Amino acid sequence: MSTKVLVMSARPGQIVGSFDIPFSYPRAHSLRYEPKFAEICGEVSLALRGALV
């Protein structure tokens, strides 16, 4: 996992979302079950859906 996630549109390739990942290293496997992780995943997912149109 990186420290930042960028979401780009399909065309013309512009950045439509930028998300900072606030979790420190090393990251435990149990991070997947934390509410903040789920929130970030949801935000990135919404940005990806919007980038496809």
N, C-alpha and C. Protein backbone atom coordinates (compact mmCIF):
# COMPACT_ATOMS: atom_id res chain seq x y z
N MET A 1 0.84 -1.16 0.00
CA MET A 1 0.00 0.00 0.00
C MET A 1 0.89 1.24 0.00
N SER A 2 0.50 2.21 -0.74
CA SER A 2 1.29 3.43 -0.85
C SER A 2 0.84 4.47 0.18
N THR A 3 1.43 5.63 0.12
CA THR A 3 1.05 6.72 1.02
C THR A 3 0.06 7.67 0.36
N LYS A 4 -0.15 7.51 -0.95
CA LYS A 4 -1.09 8.35 -1.68
C LYS A 4 -1.67 7.55 -2.83
N VAL A 5 -2.96 7.75 -3.09
CA VAL A 5 -3.63 7.09 -4.21
C VAL A 5 -4.17 8.20 -5.12
N LEU A 6 -3.85 8.12 -6.39
CA LEU A 6 -4.38 9.05 -7.39
C LEU A 6 -5.34 8.30 -8.30
N VAL A 7 -6.48 8.92 -8.60
CA VAL A 7 -7.45 8.35 -9.53
C VAL A 7 -7.47 9.23 -10.76
N MET A 8 -7.28 8.60 -11.92
CA MET A 8 -7.25 9.35 -13.17
C MET A 8 -8.46 9.00 -14.03
N SER A 9 -8.93 9.98 -14.80
CA SER A 9 -10.04 9.75 -15.71
C SER A 9 -9.57 8.90 -16.89
N ALA A 10 -10.51 8.23 -17.52
CA ALA A 10 -10.17 7.39 -18.66
C ALA A 10 -9.66 8.22 -19.82
N ARG A 11 -10.31 9.32 -20.07
CA ARG A 11 -9.89 10.23 -21.14
C ARG A 11 -10.15 11.64 -20.70
N PRO A 12 -9.31 12.54 -20.80
CA PRO A 12 -7.98 12.57 -21.40
C PRO A 12 -6.85 12.24 -20.43
N GLY A 13 -7.12 11.56 -19.36
CA GLY A 13 -6.04 11.18 -18.45
C GLY A 13 -5.73 12.24 -17.41
N GLN A 14 -6.76 12.86 -16.86
CA GLN A 14 -6.56 13.87 -15.83
C GLN A 14 -6.80 13.25 -14.45
N ILE A 15 -6.16 13.82 -13.46
CA ILE A 15 -6.35 13.35 -12.09
C ILE A 15 -7.70 13.86 -11.59
N VAL A 16 -8.56 12.93 -11.17
CA VAL A 16 -9.88 13.31 -10.67
C VAL A 16 -10.02 13.08 -9.16
N GLY A 17 -9.03 12.46 -8.55
CA GLY A 17 -9.06 12.24 -7.11
C GLY A 17 -7.67 12.00 -6.57
N SER A 18 -7.42 12.52 -5.38
CA SER A 18 -6.14 12.32 -4.70
C SER A 18 -6.45 12.00 -3.25
N PHE A 19 -5.93 10.88 -2.76
CA PHE A 19 -6.24 10.42 -1.41
C PHE A 19 -4.95 10.10 -0.67
N ASP A 20 -4.75 10.78 0.45
CA ASP A 20 -3.60 10.48 1.32
C ASP A 20 -3.97 9.27 2.18
N ILE A 21 -3.03 8.36 2.34
CA ILE A 21 -3.23 7.17 3.16
C ILE A 21 -2.52 7.41 4.49
N PRO A 22 -3.29 7.55 5.59
CA PRO A 22 -2.72 8.00 6.87
C PRO A 22 -2.14 6.90 7.75
N PHE A 23 -1.98 5.70 7.25
CA PHE A 23 -1.53 4.59 8.09
C PHE A 23 -0.01 4.47 8.05
N SER A 24 0.58 4.24 9.23
CA SER A 24 2.04 4.16 9.32
C SER A 24 2.53 2.76 8.95
N TYR A 25 3.82 2.67 8.70
CA TYR A 25 4.48 1.40 8.38
C TYR A 25 5.06 0.80 9.64
N PRO A 26 5.21 -0.47 9.77
CA PRO A 26 4.66 -1.49 8.88
C PRO A 26 3.15 -1.62 9.12
N ARG A 27 2.45 -2.00 8.09
CA ARG A 27 1.00 -2.12 8.17
C ARG A 27 0.60 -3.56 8.43
N ALA A 28 -0.20 -3.73 9.44
CA ALA A 28 -0.66 -5.07 9.82
C ALA A 28 -1.80 -5.52 8.93
N HIS A 29 -1.94 -6.81 8.78
CA HIS A 29 -3.02 -7.40 8.00
C HIS A 29 -4.39 -6.99 8.55
N SER A 30 -4.47 -6.79 9.85
CA SER A 30 -5.74 -6.44 10.50
C SER A 30 -6.23 -5.04 10.12
N LEU A 31 -5.40 -4.26 9.45
CA LEU A 31 -5.79 -2.92 9.01
C LEU A 31 -7.04 -2.96 8.14
N ARG A 32 -7.22 -4.03 7.39
CA ARG A 32 -8.39 -4.16 6.52
C ARG A 32 -9.71 -4.07 7.26
N TYR A 33 -9.70 -4.33 8.54
CA TYR A 33 -10.93 -4.36 9.32
C TYR A 33 -11.18 -3.08 10.12
N GLU A 34 -10.35 -2.08 9.91
CA GLU A 34 -10.52 -0.82 10.60
C GLU A 34 -11.47 0.09 9.83
N PRO A 35 -12.33 0.83 10.52
CA PRO A 35 -13.30 1.71 9.86
C PRO A 35 -12.68 2.75 8.94
N LYS A 36 -11.56 3.33 9.34
CA LYS A 36 -10.92 4.36 8.49
C LYS A 36 -10.46 3.77 7.16
N PHE A 37 -9.97 2.53 7.18
CA PHE A 37 -9.55 1.87 5.95
C PHE A 37 -10.76 1.66 5.03
N ALA A 38 -11.87 1.22 5.60
CA ALA A 38 -13.09 1.02 4.81
C ALA A 38 -13.58 2.34 4.23
N GLU A 39 -13.47 3.41 4.99
CA GLU A 39 -13.89 4.73 4.51
C GLU A 39 -13.04 5.17 3.31
N ILE A 40 -11.74 5.00 3.41
CA ILE A 40 -10.85 5.38 2.30
C ILE A 40 -11.15 4.52 1.07
N CYS A 41 -11.36 3.22 1.27
CA CYS A 41 -11.69 2.33 0.14
C CYS A 41 -12.97 2.79 -0.55
N GLY A 42 -13.96 3.18 0.23
CA GLY A 42 -15.22 3.66 -0.35
C GLY A 42 -15.03 4.94 -1.14
N GLU A 43 -14.25 5.87 -0.62
CA GLU A 43 -13.99 7.13 -1.33
C GLU A 43 -13.26 6.89 -2.64
N VAL A 44 -12.26 6.01 -2.60
CA VAL A 44 -11.51 5.70 -3.83
C VAL A 44 -12.43 5.00 -4.83
N SER A 45 -13.27 4.10 -4.35
CA SER A 45 -14.20 3.39 -5.23
C SER A 45 -15.15 4.35 -5.92
N LEU A 46 -15.70 5.30 -5.17
CA LEU A 46 -16.59 6.30 -5.77
C LEU A 46 -15.87 7.13 -6.82
N ALA A 47 -14.63 7.52 -6.52
CA ALA A 47 -13.85 8.31 -7.49
C ALA A 47 -13.57 7.49 -8.75
N LEU A 48 -13.30 6.19 -8.59
CA LEU A 48 -13.06 5.34 -9.75
C LEU A 48 -14.30 5.22 -10.62
N ARG A 49 -15.46 5.06 -9.99
CA ARG A 49 -16.71 4.98 -10.76
C ARG A 49 -16.96 6.25 -11.55
N GLY A 50 -16.68 7.39 -10.92
CA GLY A 50 -16.86 8.66 -11.59
C GLY A 50 -15.86 8.89 -12.71
N ALA A 51 -14.69 8.30 -12.59
CA ALA A 51 -13.64 8.47 -13.59
C ALA A 51 -13.92 7.69 -14.86
N LEU A 52 -14.79 6.68 -14.77
CA LEU A 52 -15.05 5.84 -15.93
C LEU A 52 -16.03 6.45 -16.91
N VAL A 53 -16.76 7.47 -16.49
CA VAL A 53 -17.74 8.08 -17.41
C VAL A 53 -17.14 9.16 -18.24
